[in-house]
């Protein structure tokens, strides 16, 4: 299922706080911090968990947006293909996309 959540934030500190207080996912926070704190344009991570695999991508898109995408495969069948090529929105395993509009860094 493809869900979208749009959030407006004043600055990157508010985005970081959102992930720490509302998302509460350390793996996602590590990916997000590379863009917010280390000033990278994009960051991603492929995580193999006990019963699923997750691909998380966080990137800048345009002058005022940050995008977060999370793809989940409960069958773990896509692990090798995701190692070779990142999934995208056409993949039905997308569970959440968050687009942030940020006024300033």
PDB file of N, CA and C in Angstrom:
ATOM      1  N   UNK A   1       0.844  -1.186   0.000  1.00  0.00           N
ATOM      2  CA  UNK A   1       0.000   0.000   0.000  1.00  0.00           C
ATOM      3  C   UNK A   1       0.887   1.246   0.000  1.00  0.00           C
ATOM      4  N   UNK A   2       0.518   2.215  -0.766  1.00  0.00           N
ATOM      5  CA  UNK A   2       1.312   3.428  -0.905  1.00  0.00           C
ATOM      6  C   UNK A   2       0.601   4.546  -0.147  1.00  0.00           C
ATOM      7  N   UNK A   3       1.198   4.967   0.957  1.00  0.00           N
ATOM      8  CA  UNK A   3       0.646   6.057   1.752  1.00  0.00           C
ATOM      9  C   UNK A   3       1.583   7.241   1.641  1.00  0.00           C
ATOM     10  N   UNK A   4       1.048   8.424   1.695  1.00  0.00           N
ATOM     11  CA  UNK A   4       1.891   9.621   1.681  1.00  0.00           C
ATOM     12  C   UNK A   4       1.536  10.487   2.869  1.00  0.00           C
ATOM     13  N   UNK A   5       2.543  11.041   3.453  1.00  0.00           N
ATOM     14  CA  UNK A   5       2.370  11.941   4.588  1.00  0.00           C
ATOM     15  C   UNK A   5       3.191  13.189   4.295  1.00  0.00           C
ATOM     16  N   UNK A   6       2.562  14.330   4.287  1.00  0.00           N
ATOM     17  CA  UNK A   6       3.261  15.581   4.045  1.00  0.00           C
ATOM     18  C   UNK A   6       3.367  16.344   5.359  1.00  0.00           C
ATOM     19  N   UNK A   7       4.547  16.813   5.671  1.00  0.00           N
ATOM     20  CA  UNK A   7       4.778  17.564   6.904  1.00  0.00           C
ATOM     21  C   UNK A   7       5.526  18.844   6.564  1.00  0.00           C
ATOM     22  N   UNK A   8       5.209  19.912   7.258  1.00  0.00           N
ATOM     23  CA  UNK A   8       5.951  21.168   7.115  1.00  0.00           C
ATOM     24  C   UNK A   8       6.704  21.425   8.407  1.00  0.00           C
ATOM     25  N   UNK A   9       7.988  21.741   8.263  1.00  0.00           N
ATOM     26  CA  UNK A   9       8.833  22.018   9.416  1.00  0.00           C
ATOM     27  C   UNK A   9       9.548  23.339   9.223  1.00  0.00           C
ATOM     28  N   UNK A  10       9.922  23.960  10.329  1.00  0.00           N
ATOM     29  CA  UNK A  10      10.643  25.226  10.288  1.00  0.00           C
ATOM     30  C   UNK A  10      12.105  25.015   9.880  1.00  0.00           C
ATOM     31  N   UNK A  11      12.742  23.953  10.416  1.00  0.00           N
ATOM     32  CA  UNK A  11      14.161  23.713  10.132  1.00  0.00           C
ATOM     33  C   UNK A  11      14.506  22.233  10.310  1.00  0.00           C
ATOM     34  N   UNK A  12      15.768  21.911  10.057  1.00  0.00           N
ATOM     35  CA  UNK A  12      16.212  20.511  10.132  1.00  0.00           C
ATOM     36  C   UNK A  12      16.116  19.954  11.546  1.00  0.00           C
ATOM     37  N   UNK A  13      16.270  20.805  12.548  1.00  0.00           N
ATOM     38  CA  UNK A  13      16.132  20.330  13.931  1.00  0.00           C
ATOM     39  C   UNK A  13      14.744  19.753  14.171  1.00  0.00           C
ATOM     40  N   UNK A  14      13.719  20.372  13.603  1.00  0.00           N
ATOM     41  CA  UNK A  14      12.364  19.866  13.757  1.00  0.00           C
ATOM     42  C   UNK A  14      12.188  18.528  13.046  1.00  0.00           C
ATOM     43  N   UNK A  15      12.821  18.356  11.901  1.00  0.00           N
ATOM     44  CA  UNK A  15      12.766  17.071  11.185  1.00  0.00           C
ATOM     45  C   UNK A  15      13.427  15.996  12.048  1.00  0.00           C
ATOM     46  N   UNK A  16      14.586  16.300  12.582  1.00  0.00           N
ATOM     47  CA  UNK A  16      15.317  15.351  13.430  1.00  0.00           C
ATOM     48  C   UNK A  16      14.485  14.981  14.661  1.00  0.00           C
ATOM     49  N   UNK A  17      13.869  15.959  15.272  1.00  0.00           N
ATOM     50  CA  UNK A  17      13.021  15.726  16.445  1.00  0.00           C
ATOM     51  C   UNK A  17      11.828  14.830  16.081  1.00  0.00           C
ATOM     52  N   UNK A  18      11.246  15.036  14.894  1.00  0.00           N
ATOM     53  CA  UNK A  18      10.136  14.216  14.427  1.00  0.00           C
ATOM     54  C   UNK A  18      10.542  12.740  14.378  1.00  0.00           C
ATOM     55  N   UNK A  19      11.735  12.465  13.837  1.00  0.00           N
ATOM     56  CA  UNK A  19      12.188  11.079  13.748  1.00  0.00           C
ATOM     57  C   UNK A  19      12.483  10.484  15.116  1.00  0.00           C
ATOM     58  N   UNK A  20      13.068  11.268  15.986  1.00  0.00           N
ATOM     59  CA  UNK A  20      13.408  10.752  17.317  1.00  0.00           C
ATOM     60  C   UNK A  20      12.185  10.554  18.196  1.00  0.00           C
ATOM     61  N   UNK A  21      11.220  11.463  18.122  1.00  0.00           N
ATOM     62  CA  UNK A  21      10.074  11.412  19.033  1.00  0.00           C
ATOM     63  C   UNK A  21       8.860  10.684  18.468  1.00  0.00           C
ATOM     64  N   UNK A  22       8.661  10.732  17.134  1.00  0.00           N
ATOM     65  CA  UNK A  22       7.466  10.113  16.564  1.00  0.00           C
ATOM     66  C   UNK A  22       7.763   8.810  15.832  1.00  0.00           C
ATOM     67  N   UNK A  23       8.818   8.769  15.054  1.00  0.00           N
ATOM     68  CA  UNK A  23       9.155   7.559  14.318  1.00  0.00           C
ATOM     69  C   UNK A  23       9.840   6.548  15.237  1.00  0.00           C
ATOM     70  N   UNK A  24      10.763   7.021  16.075  1.00  0.00           N
ATOM     71  CA  UNK A  24      11.467   6.200  17.071  1.00  0.00           C
ATOM     72  C   UNK A  24      12.084   4.942  16.457  1.00  0.00           C
ATOM     73  N   UNK A  25      12.795   5.113  15.372  1.00  0.00           N
ATOM     74  CA  UNK A  25      13.442   4.008  14.671  1.00  0.00           C
ATOM     75  C   UNK A  25      14.914   4.385  14.489  1.00  0.00           C
ATOM     76  N   UNK A  26      15.803   3.752  15.261  1.00  0.00           N
ATOM     77  CA  UNK A  26      17.221   4.121  15.233  1.00  0.00           C
ATOM     78  C   UNK A  26      17.859   3.915  13.868  1.00  0.00           C
ATOM     79  N   UNK A  27      17.442   2.882  13.139  1.00  0.00           N
ATOM     80  CA  UNK A  27      18.007   2.648  11.812  1.00  0.00           C
ATOM     81  C   UNK A  27      17.626   3.791  10.869  1.00  0.00           C
ATOM     82  N   UNK A  28      16.381   4.230  10.954  1.00  0.00           N
ATOM     83  CA  UNK A  28      15.938   5.355  10.119  1.00  0.00           C
ATOM     84  C   UNK A  28      16.651   6.638  10.526  1.00  0.00           C
ATOM     85  N   UNK A  29      16.832   6.836  11.815  1.00  0.00           N
ATOM     86  CA  UNK A  29      17.510   8.047  12.308  1.00  0.00           C
ATOM     87  C   UNK A  29      18.940   8.114  11.785  1.00  0.00           C
ATOM     88  N   UNK A  30      19.637   6.981  11.735  1.00  0.00           N
ATOM     89  CA  UNK A  30      21.003   6.962  11.202  1.00  0.00           C
ATOM     90  C   UNK A  30      21.029   7.406   9.735  1.00  0.00           C
ATOM     91  N   UNK A  31      20.067   6.922   8.947  1.00  0.00           N
ATOM     92  CA  UNK A  31      19.989   7.291   7.531  1.00  0.00           C
ATOM     93  C   UNK A  31      19.660   8.777   7.390  1.00  0.00           C
ATOM     94  N   UNK A  32      18.711   9.261   8.167  1.00  0.00           N
ATOM     95  CA  UNK A  32      18.288  10.659   8.126  1.00  0.00           C
ATOM     96  C   UNK A  32      19.416  11.601   8.532  1.00  0.00           C
ATOM     97  N   UNK A  33      20.155  11.237   9.567  1.00  0.00           N
ATOM     98  CA  UNK A  33      21.221  12.111  10.069  1.00  0.00           C
ATOM     99  C   UNK A  33      22.320  12.356   9.052  1.00  0.00           C
ATOM    100  N   UNK A  34      22.568  11.415   8.153  1.00  0.00           N
ATOM    101  CA  UNK A  34      23.594  11.628   7.129  1.00  0.00           C
ATOM    102  C   UNK A  34      23.225  12.800   6.232  1.00  0.00           C
ATOM    103  N   UNK A  35      21.938  12.993   5.982  1.00  0.00           N
ATOM    104  CA  UNK A  35      21.491  14.101   5.147  1.00  0.00           C
ATOM    105  C   UNK A  35      21.390  15.383   5.972  1.00  0.00           C
ATOM    106  N   UNK A  36      20.816  15.268   7.165  1.00  0.00           N
ATOM    107  CA  UNK A  36      20.583  16.466   7.985  1.00  0.00           C
ATOM    108  C   UNK A  36      21.867  16.977   8.634  1.00  0.00           C
ATOM    109  N   UNK A  37      22.634  16.090   9.243  1.00  0.00           N
ATOM    110  CA  UNK A  37      23.806  16.516  10.005  1.00  0.00           C
ATOM    111  C   UNK A  37      25.093  16.553   9.198  1.00  0.00           C
ATOM    112  N   UNK A  38      25.234  15.631   8.248  1.00  0.00           N
ATOM    113  CA  UNK A  38      26.480  15.550   7.479  1.00  0.00           C
ATOM    114  C   UNK A  38      26.363  16.233   6.119  1.00  0.00           C
ATOM    115  N   UNK A  39      25.201  16.792   5.820  1.00  0.00           N
ATOM    116  CA  UNK A  39      24.973  17.580   4.617  1.00  0.00           C
ATOM    117  C   UNK A  39      25.149  16.785   3.321  1.00  0.00           C
ATOM    118  N   UNK A  40      24.816  15.498   3.353  1.00  0.00           N
ATOM    119  CA  UNK A  40      24.796  14.688   2.134  1.00  0.00           C
ATOM    120  C   UNK A  40      23.498  14.988   1.385  1.00  0.00           C
ATOM    121  N   UNK A  41      23.464  14.708   0.077  1.00  0.00           N
ATOM    122  CA  UNK A  41      22.229  14.908  -0.694  1.00  0.00           C
ATOM    123  C   UNK A  41      21.266  13.736  -0.563  1.00  0.00           C
ATOM    124  N   UNK A  42      21.799  12.546  -0.287  1.00  0.00           N
ATOM    125  CA  UNK A  42      20.937  11.380  -0.119  1.00  0.00           C
ATOM    126  C   UNK A  42      21.639  10.340   0.738  1.00  0.00           C
ATOM    127  N   UNK A  43      20.834   9.486   1.309  1.00  0.00           N
ATOM    128  CA  UNK A  43      21.350   8.407   2.144  1.00  0.00           C
ATOM    129  C   UNK A  43      20.354   7.263   2.091  1.00  0.00           C
ATOM    130  N   UNK A  44      20.857   6.038   2.179  1.00  0.00           N
ATOM    131  CA  UNK A  44      19.954   4.890   2.180  1.00  0.00           C
ATOM    132  C   UNK A  44      20.541   3.763   3.010  1.00  0.00           C
ATOM    133  N   UNK A  45      19.688   2.839   3.368  1.00  0.00           N
ATOM    134  CA  UNK A  45      20.130   1.678   4.127  1.00  0.00           C
ATOM    135  C   UNK A  45      19.245   0.483   3.829  1.00  0.00           C
ATOM    136  N   UNK A  46      19.856  -0.680   3.716  1.00  0.00           N
ATOM    137  CA  UNK A  46      19.146  -1.940   3.522  1.00  0.00           C
ATOM    138  C   UNK A  46      19.338  -2.740   4.798  1.00  0.00           C
ATOM    139  N   UNK A  47      18.242  -3.073   5.454  1.00  0.00           N
ATOM    140  CA  UNK A  47      18.306  -3.728   6.758  1.00  0.00           C
ATOM    141  C   UNK A  47      17.577  -5.060   6.721  1.00  0.00           C
ATOM    142  N   UNK A  48      18.310  -6.115   7.040  1.00  0.00           N
ATOM    143  CA  UNK A  48      17.703  -7.441   7.140  1.00  0.00           C
ATOM    144  C   UNK A  48      17.341  -7.672   8.598  1.00  0.00           C
ATOM    145  N   UNK A  49      16.054  -7.875   8.844  1.00  0.00           N
ATOM    146  CA  UNK A  49      15.553  -8.105  10.189  1.00  0.00           C
ATOM    147  C   UNK A  49      15.075  -9.538  10.298  1.00  0.00           C
ATOM    148  N   UNK A  50      14.635  -9.917  11.463  1.00  0.00           N
ATOM    149  CA  UNK A  50      14.241 -11.303  11.726  1.00  0.00           C
ATOM    150  C   UNK A  50      13.204 -11.830  10.728  1.00  0.00           C
ATOM    151  N   UNK A  51      12.159 -11.056  10.490  1.00  0.00           N
ATOM    152  CA  UNK A  51      11.058 -11.538   9.666  1.00  0.00           C
ATOM    153  C   UNK A  51      10.810 -10.725   8.394  1.00  0.00           C
ATOM    154  N   UNK A  52      11.707  -9.781   8.075  1.00  0.00           N
ATOM    155  CA  UNK A  52      11.512  -8.948   6.895  1.00  0.00           C
ATOM    156  C   UNK A  52      12.799  -8.218   6.536  1.00  0.00           C
ATOM    157  N   UNK A  53      12.773  -7.582   5.363  1.00  0.00           N
ATOM    158  CA  UNK A  53      13.859  -6.673   4.990  1.00  0.00           C
ATOM    159  C   UNK A  53      13.247  -5.300   4.744  1.00  0.00           C
ATOM    160  N   UNK A  54      14.039  -4.267   5.043  1.00  0.00           N
ATOM    161  CA  UNK A  54      13.593  -2.894   4.858  1.00  0.00           C
ATOM    162  C   UNK A  54      14.643  -2.127   4.083  1.00  0.00           C
ATOM    163  N   UNK A  55      14.187  -1.320   3.165  1.00  0.00           N
ATOM    164  CA  UNK A  55      15.062  -0.410   2.439  1.00  0.00           C
ATOM    165  C   UNK A  55      14.582   0.993   2.756  1.00  0.00           C
ATOM    166  N   UNK A  56      15.457   1.810   3.325  1.00  0.00           N
ATOM    167  CA  UNK A  56      15.121   3.175   3.712  1.00  0.00           C
ATOM    168  C   UNK A  56      15.952   4.133   2.876  1.00  0.00           C
ATOM    169  N   UNK A  57      15.293   5.144   2.341  1.00  0.00           N
ATOM    170  CA  UNK A  57      15.981   6.150   1.534  1.00  0.00           C
ATOM    171  C   UNK A  57      15.530   7.528   2.009  1.00  0.00           C
ATOM    172  N   UNK A  58      16.486   8.430   2.199  1.00  0.00           N
ATOM    173  CA  UNK A  58      16.194   9.801   2.619  1.00  0.00           C
ATOM    174  C   UNK A  58      17.021  10.717   1.730  1.00  0.00           C
ATOM    175  N   UNK A  59      16.387  11.708   1.115  1.00  0.00           N
ATOM    176  CA  UNK A  59      17.107  12.515   0.139  1.00  0.00           C
ATOM    177  C   UNK A  59      16.478  13.897  -0.007  1.00  0.00           C
ATOM    178  N   UNK A  60      17.267  14.795  -0.587  1.00  0.00           N
ATOM    179  CA  UNK A  60      16.785  16.145  -0.894  1.00  0.00           C
ATOM    180  C   UNK A  60      16.103  16.089  -2.257  1.00  0.00           C
ATOM    181  N   UNK A  61      15.025  16.832  -2.366  1.00  0.00           N
ATOM    182  CA  UNK A  61      14.302  16.887  -3.637  1.00  0.00           C
ATOM    183  C   UNK A  61      13.830  18.310  -3.853  1.00  0.00           C
ATOM    184  N   UNK A  62      14.508  19.054  -4.674  1.00  0.00           N
ATOM    185  CA  UNK A  62      14.142  20.444  -4.891  1.00  0.00           C
ATOM    186  C   UNK A  62      14.749  21.337  -3.829  1.00  0.00           C
ATOM    187  N   UNK A  63      14.359  22.579  -3.841  1.00  0.00           N
ATOM    188  CA  UNK A  63      14.989  23.543  -2.942  1.00  0.00           C
ATOM    189  C   UNK A  63      14.444  23.504  -1.526  1.00  0.00           C
ATOM    190  N   UNK A  64      13.255  22.930  -1.294  1.00  0.00           N
ATOM    191  CA  UNK A  64      12.695  23.004   0.055  1.00  0.00           C
ATOM    192  C   UNK A  64      12.154  21.671   0.566  1.00  0.00           C
ATOM    193  N   UNK A  65      12.442  20.568  -0.111  1.00  0.00           N
ATOM    194  CA  UNK A  65      11.848  19.314   0.318  1.00  0.00           C
ATOM    195  C   UNK A  65      12.899  18.283   0.712  1.00  0.00           C
ATOM    196  N   UNK A  66      12.557  17.511   1.700  1.00  0.00           N
ATOM    197  CA  UNK A  66      13.291  16.312   2.069  1.00  0.00           C
ATOM    198  C   UNK A  66      12.310  15.160   1.919  1.00  0.00           C
ATOM    199  N   UNK A  67      12.755  14.050   1.373  1.00  0.00           N
ATOM    200  CA  UNK A  67      11.870  12.909   1.156  1.00  0.00           C
ATOM    201  C   UNK A  67      12.390  11.687   1.900  1.00  0.00           C
ATOM    202  N   UNK A  68      11.460  10.954   2.489  1.00  0.00           N
ATOM    203  CA  UNK A  68      11.776   9.710   3.192  1.00  0.00           C
ATOM    204  C   UNK A  68      10.933   8.615   2.555  1.00  0.00           C
ATOM    205  N   UNK A  69      11.586   7.538   2.151  1.00  0.00           N
ATOM    206  CA  UNK A  69      10.859   6.399   1.594  1.00  0.00           C
ATOM    207  C   UNK A  69      11.266   5.156   2.361  1.00  0.00           C
ATOM    208  N   UNK A  70      10.301   4.308   2.633  1.00  0.00           N
ATOM    209  CA  UNK A  70      10.578   3.034   3.302  1.00  0.00           C
ATOM    210  C   UNK A  70       9.868   1.927   2.546  1.00  0.00           C
ATOM    211  N   UNK A  71      10.632   0.929   2.154  1.00  0.00           N
ATOM    212  CA  UNK A  71      10.101  -0.225   1.439  1.00  0.00           C
ATOM    213  C   UNK A  71      10.265  -1.445   2.340  1.00  0.00           C
ATOM    214  N   UNK A  72       9.244  -2.281   2.416  1.00  0.00           N
ATOM    215  CA  UNK A  72       9.296  -3.455   3.281  1.00  0.00           C
ATOM    216  C   UNK A  72       8.923  -4.686   2.469  1.00  0.00           C
ATOM    217  N   UNK A  73       9.715  -5.741   2.630  1.00  0.00           N
ATOM    218  CA  UNK A  73       9.419  -7.032   2.003  1.00  0.00           C
ATOM    219  C   UNK A  73       9.338  -8.078   3.105  1.00  0.00           C
ATOM    220  N   UNK A  74       8.121  -8.523   3.406  1.00  0.00           N
ATOM    221  CA  UNK A  74       7.916  -9.519   4.467  1.00  0.00           C
ATOM    222  C   UNK A  74       8.341 -10.921   4.043  1.00  0.00           C
ATOM    223  N   UNK A  75       8.548 -11.141   2.756  1.00  0.00           N
ATOM    224  CA  UNK A  75       8.952 -12.466   2.273  1.00  0.00           C
ATOM    225  C   UNK A  75      10.468 -12.625   2.252  1.00  0.00           C
ATOM    226  N   UNK A  76      11.189 -11.530   2.317  1.00  0.00           N
ATOM    227  CA  UNK A  76      12.660 -11.497   2.232  1.00  0.00           C
ATOM    228  C   UNK A  76      13.187 -11.965   0.873  1.00  0.00           C
ATOM    229  N   UNK A  77      12.313 -12.057  -0.109  1.00  0.00           N
ATOM    230  CA  UNK A  77      12.715 -12.522  -1.438  1.00  0.00           C
ATOM    231  C   UNK A  77      13.459 -11.452  -2.234  1.00  0.00           C
ATOM    232  N   UNK A  78      13.300 -10.208  -1.869  1.00  0.00           N
ATOM    233  CA  UNK A  78      13.880  -9.121  -2.662  1.00  0.00           C
ATOM    234  C   UNK A  78      15.248  -8.675  -2.171  1.00  0.00           C
ATOM    235  N   UNK A  79      15.800  -9.350  -1.190  1.00  0.00           N
ATOM    236  CA  UNK A  79      17.068  -8.936  -0.599  1.00  0.00           C
ATOM    237  C   UNK A  79      18.159  -8.782  -1.649  1.00  0.00           C
ATOM    238  N   UNK A  80      18.378  -9.792  -2.450  1.00  0.00           N
ATOM    239  CA  UNK A  80      19.457  -9.743  -3.445  1.00  0.00           C
ATOM    240  C   UNK A  80      19.198  -8.689  -4.515  1.00  0.00           C
ATOM    241  N   UNK A  81      17.953  -8.578  -4.970  1.00  0.00           N
ATOM    242  CA  UNK A  81      17.670  -7.579  -6.008  1.00  0.00           C
ATOM    243  C   UNK A  81      17.812  -6.163  -5.459  1.00  0.00           C
ATOM    244  N   UNK A  82      17.446  -5.940  -4.189  1.00  0.00           N
ATOM    245  CA  UNK A  82      17.596  -4.617  -3.598  1.00  0.00           C
ATOM    246  C   UNK A  82      19.053  -4.287  -3.332  1.00  0.00           C
ATOM    247  N   UNK A  83      19.891  -5.293  -3.166  1.00  0.00           N
ATOM    248  CA  UNK A  83      21.330  -5.039  -3.033  1.00  0.00           C
ATOM    249  C   UNK A  83      21.893  -4.506  -4.352  1.00  0.00           C
ATOM    250  N   UNK A  84      21.341  -4.986  -5.469  1.00  0.00           N
ATOM    251  CA  UNK A  84      21.812  -4.577  -6.790  1.00  0.00           C
ATOM    252  C   UNK A  84      21.190  -3.270  -7.251  1.00  0.00           C
ATOM    253  N   UNK A  85      19.869  -3.116  -6.983  1.00  0.00           N
ATOM    254  CA  UNK A  85      19.152  -1.932  -7.465  1.00  0.00           C
ATOM    255  C   UNK A  85      18.126  -1.510  -6.413  1.00  0.00           C
ATOM    256  N   UNK A  86      18.152  -0.244  -6.070  1.00  0.00           N
ATOM    257  CA  UNK A  86      17.227   0.277  -5.052  1.00  0.00           C
ATOM    258  C   UNK A  86      15.785   0.192  -5.546  1.00  0.00           C
ATOM    259  N   UNK A  87      14.869  -0.165  -4.666  1.00  0.00           N
ATOM    260  CA  UNK A  87      13.452  -0.179  -5.062  1.00  0.00           C
ATOM    261  C   UNK A  87      12.951   1.247  -5.282  1.00  0.00           C
ATOM    262  N   UNK A  88      11.847   1.376  -5.999  1.00  0.00           N
ATOM    263  CA  UNK A  88      11.261   2.693  -6.189  1.00  0.00           C
ATOM    264  C   UNK A  88       9.753   2.619  -5.979  1.00  0.00           C
ATOM    265  N   UNK A  89       9.070   3.727  -6.227  1.00  0.00           N
ATOM    266  CA  UNK A  89       7.652   3.823  -5.892  1.00  0.00           C
ATOM    267  C   UNK A  89       6.780   2.842  -6.680  1.00  0.00           C
ATOM    268  N   UNK A  90       7.272   2.295  -7.769  1.00  0.00           N
ATOM    269  CA  UNK A  90       6.485   1.326  -8.527  1.00  0.00           C
ATOM    270  C   UNK A  90       6.443  -0.043  -7.849  1.00  0.00           C
ATOM    271  N   UNK A  91       7.302  -0.236  -6.874  1.00  0.00           N
ATOM    272  CA  UNK A  91       7.339  -1.489  -6.125  1.00  0.00           C
ATOM    273  C   UNK A  91       6.182  -1.486  -5.125  1.00  0.00           C
ATOM    274  N   UNK A  92       5.330  -2.479  -5.194  1.00  0.00           N
ATOM    275  CA  UNK A  92       4.142  -2.519  -4.339  1.00  0.00           C
ATOM    276  C   UNK A  92       4.460  -2.729  -2.867  1.00  0.00           C
ATOM    277  N   UNK A  93       5.700  -2.986  -2.526  1.00  0.00           N
ATOM    278  CA  UNK A  93       6.059  -3.183  -1.124  1.00  0.00           C
ATOM    279  C   UNK A  93       6.312  -1.866  -0.396  1.00  0.00           C
ATOM    280  N   UNK A  94       6.177  -0.736  -1.109  1.00  0.00           N
ATOM    281  CA  UNK A  94       6.332   0.564  -0.458  1.00  0.00           C
ATOM    282  C   UNK A  94       5.270   0.719   0.616  1.00  0.00           C
ATOM    283  N   UNK A  95       5.694   1.011   1.830  1.00  0.00           N
ATOM    284  CA  UNK A  95       4.713   1.150   2.899  1.00  0.00           C
ATOM    285  C   UNK A  95       4.514   2.596   3.325  1.00  0.00           C
ATOM    286  N   UNK A  96       5.512   3.443   3.118  1.00  0.00           N
ATOM    287  CA  UNK A  96       5.373   4.804   3.605  1.00  0.00           C
ATOM    288  C   UNK A  96       6.294   5.744   2.853  1.00  0.00           C
ATOM    289  N   UNK A  97       5.791   6.879   2.515  1.00  0.00           N
ATOM    290  CA  UNK A  97       6.620   7.932   1.940  1.00  0.00           C
ATOM    291  C   UNK A  97       6.279   9.208   2.681  1.00  0.00           C
ATOM    292  N   UNK A  98       7.266   9.866   3.186  1.00  0.00           N
ATOM    293  CA  UNK A  98       7.058  11.128   3.901  1.00  0.00           C
ATOM    294  C   UNK A  98       7.818  12.202   3.154  1.00  0.00           C
ATOM    295  N   UNK A  99       7.156  13.270   2.824  1.00  0.00           N
ATOM    296  CA  UNK A  99       7.803  14.393   2.156  1.00  0.00           C
ATOM    297  C   UNK A  99       7.756  15.588   3.095  1.00  0.00           C
ATOM    298  N   UNK A 100       8.914  16.146   3.380  1.00  0.00           N
ATOM    299  CA  UNK A 100       9.025  17.273   4.295  1.00  0.00           C
ATOM    300  C   UNK A 100       9.273  18.557   3.525  1.00  0.00           C
ATOM    301  N   UNK A 101       8.575  19.585   3.883  1.00  0.00           N
ATOM    302  CA  UNK A 101       8.907  20.903   3.386  1.00  0.00           C
ATOM    303  C   UNK A 101       9.567  21.648   4.537  1.00  0.00           C
ATOM    304  N   UNK A 102      10.783  22.130   4.310  1.00  0.00           N
ATOM    305  CA  UNK A 102      11.565  22.779   5.345  1.00  0.00           C
ATOM    306  C   UNK A 102      11.904  24.190   4.887  1.00  0.00           C
ATOM    307  N   UNK A 103      11.621  25.172   5.729  1.00  0.00           N
ATOM    308  CA  UNK A 103      11.869  26.554   5.357  1.00  0.00           C
ATOM    309  C   UNK A 103      13.345  26.899   5.310  1.00  0.00           C
ATOM    310  N   UNK A 104      14.113  26.385   6.258  1.00  0.00           N
ATOM    311  CA  UNK A 104      15.545  26.696   6.318  1.00  0.00           C
ATOM    312  C   UNK A 104      16.276  25.548   6.997  1.00  0.00           C
ATOM    313  N   UNK A 105      17.593  25.486   6.777  1.00  0.00           N
ATOM    314  CA  UNK A 105      18.377  24.429   7.398  1.00  0.00           C
ATOM    315  C   UNK A 105      18.374  24.603   8.883  1.00  0.00           C
TER     316      UNK A 105
END
